[in-house]
Amino acid sequence: MGLTTVTRTQVANRALKDGTVDPRGVELEFVEVDPLIKAFRQMVRERAYDVTEMAFTTYLVAKEHGKRFTALPIFLVRGFHHGAIVAPEPRPPKSLQGSRVGVNRGYTVTTGVWARGVLADEHGVDLDSIEWVLSGDEHVEEYEPPPNVVSAEGRDLAEMLREGELAAAIGVDGFEPLIPDARAAGFRALAERGHYPINHLVVVKDELLADAPAVYDAFVRAKDAYLEGGELDPMHARVAEITGGDPLPYGVEANRATIDELIDHALRQKILRERPDVDALFARV
């Protein structure tokens, strides 16, 4: 019997899921979970699978609370989150200080962490001055948010935006980005400061870490098949053009600066209590 594995089909793993790449030394039994975030919660709360794609910040919080699985440095999903912050009308980002801002789902959602980081790093926004209003809860039940994080209590964030109860929101559809030319701003951040956010990685149950090198190898070969196929996703093509390298680098060393950046945000935003050892976060592969 293979390792039960949840990962949403995407360009970097398609060759693995469709059988083009055959794992060596391990059998992966793919399970489809829709929406994918349901699998994050099931893994955190029940360890429901052997191998699971997971949001990076969910993993950081889970690890701090002693969950018994460990990440592999497989970074399936990356992107820029300048466009994730929306508002009903144009306003300077710094004008959000002292206001209420919605967050789709939980405070620890990785897109929200990166988006708040953009507000702080690029626009000087004091994140502690904002009341963050959540539409959902956290994957890691034990996590306790800071006092300026509150629940929307069942209200619809889009409705609250339209009615002026929120100044802006993260991850809500139907509104214009707060940051003008958000796509260009993301690529500019990459070119100027190497900002290339990671959203998802892959985790393995601790008792199965002997299989980690084989799992890692399978995902690497699937990613290589995509890169060698010659037709890149437009974002990946632009990243490759800017960096002159692999637009989906795996491994700890190639991503250490980005991992440290996310940890910095998580500490400043009171998502993590202590700085973890980056190398201890990942299995040996």
Protein backbone atom coordinates (compact mmCIF):
# COMPACT_ATOMS: atom_id res chain seq x y z
CA MET A 1 0.00 0.00 0.00
CA GLY A 2 1.32 3.42 -0.97
CA LEU A 3 1.62 6.62 1.00
CA THR A 4 -1.67 8.51 0.98
CA THR A 5 -0.79 11.81 -0.68
CA VAL A 6 -2.78 15.01 -1.15
CA THR A 7 -1.54 17.63 -3.59
CA ARG A 8 -3.62 19.71 -5.97
CA THR A 9 -2.76 19.10 -9.63
CA GLN A 10 -0.65 21.99 -10.92
CA VAL A 11 2.16 22.57 -13.37
CA ALA A 12 4.97 21.51 -11.02
CA ASN A 13 3.47 18.14 -10.05
CA ARG A 14 1.34 17.19 -13.06
CA ALA A 15 3.94 14.79 -14.44
CA LEU A 16 3.95 12.96 -11.11
CA LYS A 17 0.18 12.76 -10.79
CA ASP A 18 -0.45 11.65 -14.37
CA GLY A 19 2.20 8.91 -14.17
CA THR A 20 4.74 10.48 -16.54
CA VAL A 21 7.18 10.48 -13.63
CA ASP A 22 7.37 7.21 -11.72
CA PRO A 23 8.54 7.54 -8.10
CA ARG A 24 11.63 5.54 -7.23
CA GLY A 25 11.53 3.53 -4.03
CA VAL A 26 8.13 4.77 -2.86
CA GLU A 27 4.51 4.49 -3.98
CA LEU A 28 2.30 7.57 -3.74
CA GLU A 29 -1.43 6.93 -3.51
CA PHE A 30 -3.05 10.22 -4.52
CA VAL A 31 -6.21 11.36 -2.76
CA GLU A 32 -8.19 14.32 -4.12
CA VAL A 33 -9.47 16.83 -1.55
CA ASP A 34 -11.51 19.83 -2.64
CA PRO A 35 -10.98 22.48 -1.47
CA LEU A 36 -7.33 21.81 -0.77
CA ILE A 37 -7.38 23.84 2.44
CA LYS A 38 -9.61 21.14 3.93
CA ALA A 39 -6.62 18.78 3.71
CA PHE A 40 -4.43 21.30 5.56
CA ARG A 41 -6.85 21.25 8.46
CA GLN A 42 -7.25 17.47 8.39
CA MET A 43 -3.49 17.00 8.47
CA VAL A 44 -2.96 19.49 11.30
CA ARG A 45 -5.80 18.19 13.45
CA GLU A 46 -5.92 14.48 12.58
CA ARG A 47 -2.71 13.67 10.65
CA ALA A 48 -5.14 12.26 8.11
CA TYR A 49 -2.62 11.59 5.31
CA ASP A 50 0.97 10.45 4.93
CA VAL A 51 2.12 13.21 2.58
CA THR A 52 0.29 16.52 2.18
CA GLU A 53 0.68 19.82 0.40
CA MET A 54 0.32 22.52 3.06
CA ALA A 55 0.36 26.30 3.38
CA PHE A 56 3.74 27.42 4.68
CA THR A 57 2.49 29.52 7.60
CA THR A 58 0.09 26.77 8.65
CA TYR A 59 3.14 24.52 8.82
CA LEU A 60 5.18 27.01 10.86
CA VAL A 61 2.38 27.38 13.41
CA ALA A 62 1.74 23.63 13.49
CA LYS A 63 5.41 22.91 14.08
CA GLU A 64 5.58 25.43 16.93
CA HIS A 65 2.65 23.60 18.53
CA GLY A 66 4.32 20.20 18.28
CA LYS A 67 2.50 18.61 15.35
CA ARG A 68 4.20 15.39 14.27
CA PHE A 69 5.03 15.99 10.64
CA THR A 70 7.98 17.63 8.93
CA ALA A 71 8.32 19.64 5.73
CA LEU A 72 10.22 18.74 2.61
CA PRO A 73 11.74 21.74 0.75
CA ILE A 74 9.29 21.30 -2.14
CA PHE A 75 7.76 24.71 -2.82
CA LEU A 76 4.84 23.99 -5.12
CA VAL A 77 3.06 27.34 -5.01
CA ARG A 78 4.63 30.77 -5.12
CA GLY A 79 3.30 34.16 -6.09
CA PHE A 80 3.08 37.85 -5.38
CA HIS A 81 0.42 39.21 -3.04
CA HIS A 82 0.39 42.93 -3.76
CA GLY A 83 -2.97 42.43 -5.46
CA ALA A 84 -4.50 40.50 -2.56
CA ILE A 85 -5.24 43.71 -0.62
CA VAL A 86 -8.43 45.28 -1.98
CA ALA A 87 -10.53 48.32 -1.14
CA PRO A 88 -13.87 49.79 -2.24
CA GLU A 89 -12.15 52.97 -3.41
CA PRO A 90 -8.56 54.15 -3.99
CA ARG A 91 -6.68 55.26 -0.89
CA PRO A 92 -3.03 55.39 0.23
CA PRO A 93 -1.99 52.16 1.98
CA LYS A 94 -0.78 54.08 5.01
CA SER A 95 -4.30 55.46 5.50
CA LEU A 96 -5.28 51.98 6.73
CA GLN A 97 -3.62 52.73 10.06
CA GLY A 98 -6.19 52.90 12.83
CA SER A 99 -8.87 51.23 10.68
CA ARG A 100 -10.49 47.80 10.44
CA VAL A 101 -9.27 45.48 7.65
CA GLY A 102 -10.86 42.16 6.72
CA VAL A 103 -8.96 38.91 6.24
CA ASN A 104 -10.49 36.03 4.34
CA ARG A 105 -10.44 32.94 6.59
CA GLY A 106 -7.79 32.99 9.35
CA TYR A 107 -5.14 35.43 10.52
CA THR A 108 -2.41 32.85 9.85
CA VAL A 109 -3.39 32.31 6.18
CA THR A 110 -0.12 32.58 4.26
CA THR A 111 -1.40 35.05 1.65
CA GLY A 112 -2.46 37.36 4.47
CA VAL A 113 0.95 37.14 6.13
CA TRP A 114 2.73 38.08 2.91
CA ALA A 115 0.20 40.83 2.06
CA ARG A 116 0.57 42.43 5.50
CA GLY A 117 4.33 42.19 5.01
CA VAL A 118 4.01 44.19 1.79
CA LEU A 119 2.01 46.86 3.62
CA ALA A 120 4.68 47.10 6.33
CA ASP A 121 7.84 46.76 4.25
CA GLU A 122 6.90 48.75 1.16
CA HIS A 123 4.39 51.26 2.52
CA GLY A 124 5.39 51.76 6.16
CA VAL A 125 2.04 50.66 7.56
CA ASP A 126 1.91 50.06 11.33
CA LEU A 127 0.17 46.67 11.36
CA ASP A 128 -0.42 46.79 15.11
CA SER A 129 -2.63 49.88 14.69
CA ILE A 130 -5.12 47.94 12.55
CA GLU A 131 -7.95 45.72 13.78
CA TRP A 132 -7.90 42.59 11.61
CA VAL A 133 -11.37 41.12 11.08
CA LEU A 134 -11.49 37.41 10.20
CA SER A 135 -14.15 35.53 8.26
CA GLY A 136 -12.99 32.12 9.56
CA ASP A 137 -10.80 30.40 12.13
CA GLU A 138 -7.30 28.94 12.23
CA HIS A 139 -6.18 25.50 11.06
CA VAL A 140 -4.10 25.09 14.21
CA GLU A 141 -6.66 25.15 17.03
CA GLU A 142 -4.07 25.87 19.72
CA TYR A 143 -2.97 29.15 18.12
CA GLU A 144 -4.10 32.29 19.96
CA PRO A 145 -4.09 35.50 17.90
CA PRO A 146 -3.08 38.91 19.25
CA PRO A 147 -5.79 41.17 20.73
CA ASN A 148 -6.16 43.27 17.56
CA VAL A 149 -7.49 40.21 15.68
CA VAL A 150 -11.25 39.69 15.91
CA SER A 151 -13.99 37.63 14.26
CA ALA A 152 -16.45 38.97 11.70
CA GLU A 153 -18.99 36.85 13.60
CA GLY A 154 -20.52 35.33 10.51
CA ARG A 155 -20.72 38.59 8.53
CA ASP A 156 -19.74 38.66 4.86
CA LEU A 157 -16.51 40.63 4.38
CA ALA A 158 -17.51 41.89 0.94
CA GLU A 159 -20.73 43.30 2.37
CA MET A 160 -18.82 44.92 5.22
CA LEU A 161 -16.49 46.53 2.68
CA ARG A 162 -19.37 47.88 0.61
CA GLU A 163 -21.06 49.29 3.70
CA GLY A 164 -17.91 51.03 4.90
CA GLU A 165 -17.41 48.88 7.99
CA LEU A 166 -14.00 47.83 6.67
CA ALA A 167 -11.41 50.06 5.04
CA ALA A 168 -9.90 47.22 3.02
CA ALA A 169 -9.64 43.43 2.98
CA ILE A 170 -7.24 40.66 2.05
CA GLY A 171 -8.40 37.85 -0.22
CA VAL A 172 -11.89 39.16 -1.02
CA ASP A 173 -13.13 39.15 -4.63
CA GLY A 174 -15.01 41.90 -6.44
CA PHE A 175 -12.89 44.95 -5.54
CA GLU A 176 -9.88 46.73 -7.00
CA PRO A 177 -6.40 46.21 -5.55
CA LEU A 178 -5.37 48.82 -3.00
CA ILE A 179 -1.86 48.92 -4.51
CA PRO A 180 -1.91 50.29 -8.07
CA ASP A 181 -0.39 48.12 -10.82
CA ALA A 182 -0.12 45.30 -8.30
CA ARG A 183 1.28 42.77 -10.78
CA ALA A 184 4.10 45.09 -11.80
CA ALA A 185 4.73 45.94 -8.13
CA GLY A 186 5.27 42.26 -7.38
CA PHE A 187 7.80 41.78 -10.15
CA ARG A 188 9.52 45.01 -9.14
CA ALA A 189 9.87 43.68 -5.58
CA LEU A 190 11.47 40.54 -7.00
CA ALA A 191 13.94 42.53 -9.11
CA GLU A 192 14.82 45.02 -6.36
CA ARG A 193 14.95 42.86 -3.24
CA GLY A 194 14.55 39.22 -4.27
CA HIS A 195 10.99 39.10 -2.89
CA TYR A 196 9.44 35.86 -4.24
CA PRO A 197 6.90 34.53 -1.73
CA ILE A 198 6.42 30.82 -1.05
CA ASN A 199 2.85 29.76 -0.28
CA HIS A 200 2.80 25.96 -0.23
CA LEU A 201 5.26 23.21 0.64
CA VAL A 202 4.89 19.46 1.29
CA VAL A 203 4.87 17.71 4.67
CA VAL A 204 5.39 14.07 5.66
CA LYS A 205 4.42 12.27 8.88
CA ASP A 206 7.43 12.02 11.16
CA GLU A 207 7.31 8.22 11.35
CA LEU A 208 7.62 8.08 7.54
CA LEU A 209 10.62 10.37 7.14
CA ALA A 210 12.73 7.46 5.90
CA ASP A 211 10.74 7.86 2.68
CA ALA A 212 11.40 11.62 2.48
CA PRO A 213 14.32 11.44 0.01
CA ALA A 214 12.27 9.32 -2.42
CA VAL A 215 9.26 11.63 -2.14
CA TYR A 216 11.48 14.68 -2.68
CA ASP A 217 13.13 13.08 -5.70
CA ALA A 218 9.75 12.33 -7.28
CA PHE A 219 8.53 15.92 -6.91
CA VAL A 220 11.84 17.31 -8.20
CA ARG A 221 11.68 15.17 -11.32
CA ALA A 222 8.07 16.22 -11.92
CA LYS A 223 9.04 19.87 -11.62
CA ASP A 224 12.00 19.35 -13.96
CA ALA A 225 9.68 17.76 -16.53
CA TYR A 226 7.56 20.92 -16.45
CA LEU A 227 10.55 23.24 -16.82
CA GLU A 228 11.97 21.18 -19.65
CA GLY A 229 8.62 21.08 -21.45
CA GLY A 230 9.25 24.53 -22.86
CA GLU A 231 5.89 26.17 -22.07
CA LEU A 232 6.00 27.99 -18.75
CA ASP A 233 3.17 29.63 -16.86
CA PRO A 234 3.39 33.40 -17.62
CA MET A 235 4.37 34.25 -14.05
CA HIS A 236 7.10 31.61 -14.02
CA ALA A 237 8.36 32.85 -17.40
CA ARG A 238 8.60 36.41 -16.09
CA VAL A 239 10.37 35.27 -12.90
CA ALA A 240 12.88 33.31 -14.99
CA GLU A 241 13.45 36.40 -17.14
CA ILE A 242 14.06 38.61 -14.09
CA THR A 243 16.25 36.17 -12.14
CA GLY A 244 17.91 34.30 -14.99
CA GLY A 245 17.35 31.05 -13.10
CA ASP A 246 14.88 28.37 -12.02
CA PRO A 247 11.47 30.01 -11.42
CA LEU A 248 10.52 27.23 -8.98
CA PRO A 249 13.64 26.48 -6.94
CA TYR A 250 13.41 23.65 -4.40
CA GLY A 251 15.79 22.97 -1.52
CA VAL A 252 16.55 24.98 1.61
CA GLU A 253 19.66 26.87 0.51
CA ALA A 254 18.12 28.26 -2.67
CA ASN A 255 15.20 29.58 -0.62
CA ARG A 256 16.78 30.50 2.72
CA ALA A 257 16.34 34.26 2.29
CA THR A 258 12.64 33.85 1.42
CA ILE A 259 12.06 31.44 4.31
CA ASP A 260 13.74 33.91 6.69
CA GLU A 261 11.57 36.71 5.29
CA LEU A 262 8.37 34.76 5.97
CA ILE A 263 9.53 33.90 9.49
CA ASP A 264 10.34 37.58 10.10
CA HIS A 265 6.78 38.51 9.09
CA ALA A 266 5.29 35.77 11.25
CA LEU A 267 7.22 36.97 14.28
CA ARG A 268 6.34 40.63 13.75
CA GLN A 269 2.70 39.77 13.20
CA LYS A 270 2.61 37.67 16.41
CA ILE A 271 1.94 34.44 14.55
CA LEU A 272 5.08 32.77 15.91
CA ARG A 273 6.33 33.18 19.47
CA GLU A 274 9.94 32.16 18.82
CA ARG A 275 12.21 32.03 15.78
CA PRO A 276 12.57 28.43 14.57
CA ASP A 277 15.81 26.95 13.28
CA VAL A 278 15.27 26.92 9.52
CA ASP A 279 17.25 23.72 8.98
CA ALA A 280 15.30 21.92 11.70
CA LEU A 281 12.05 22.73 9.89
CA PHE A 282 12.96 20.47 6.97
CA ALA A 283 13.68 16.78 6.56
CA ARG A 284 17.00 15.61 5.25
CA VAL A 285 16.60 14.82 1.55
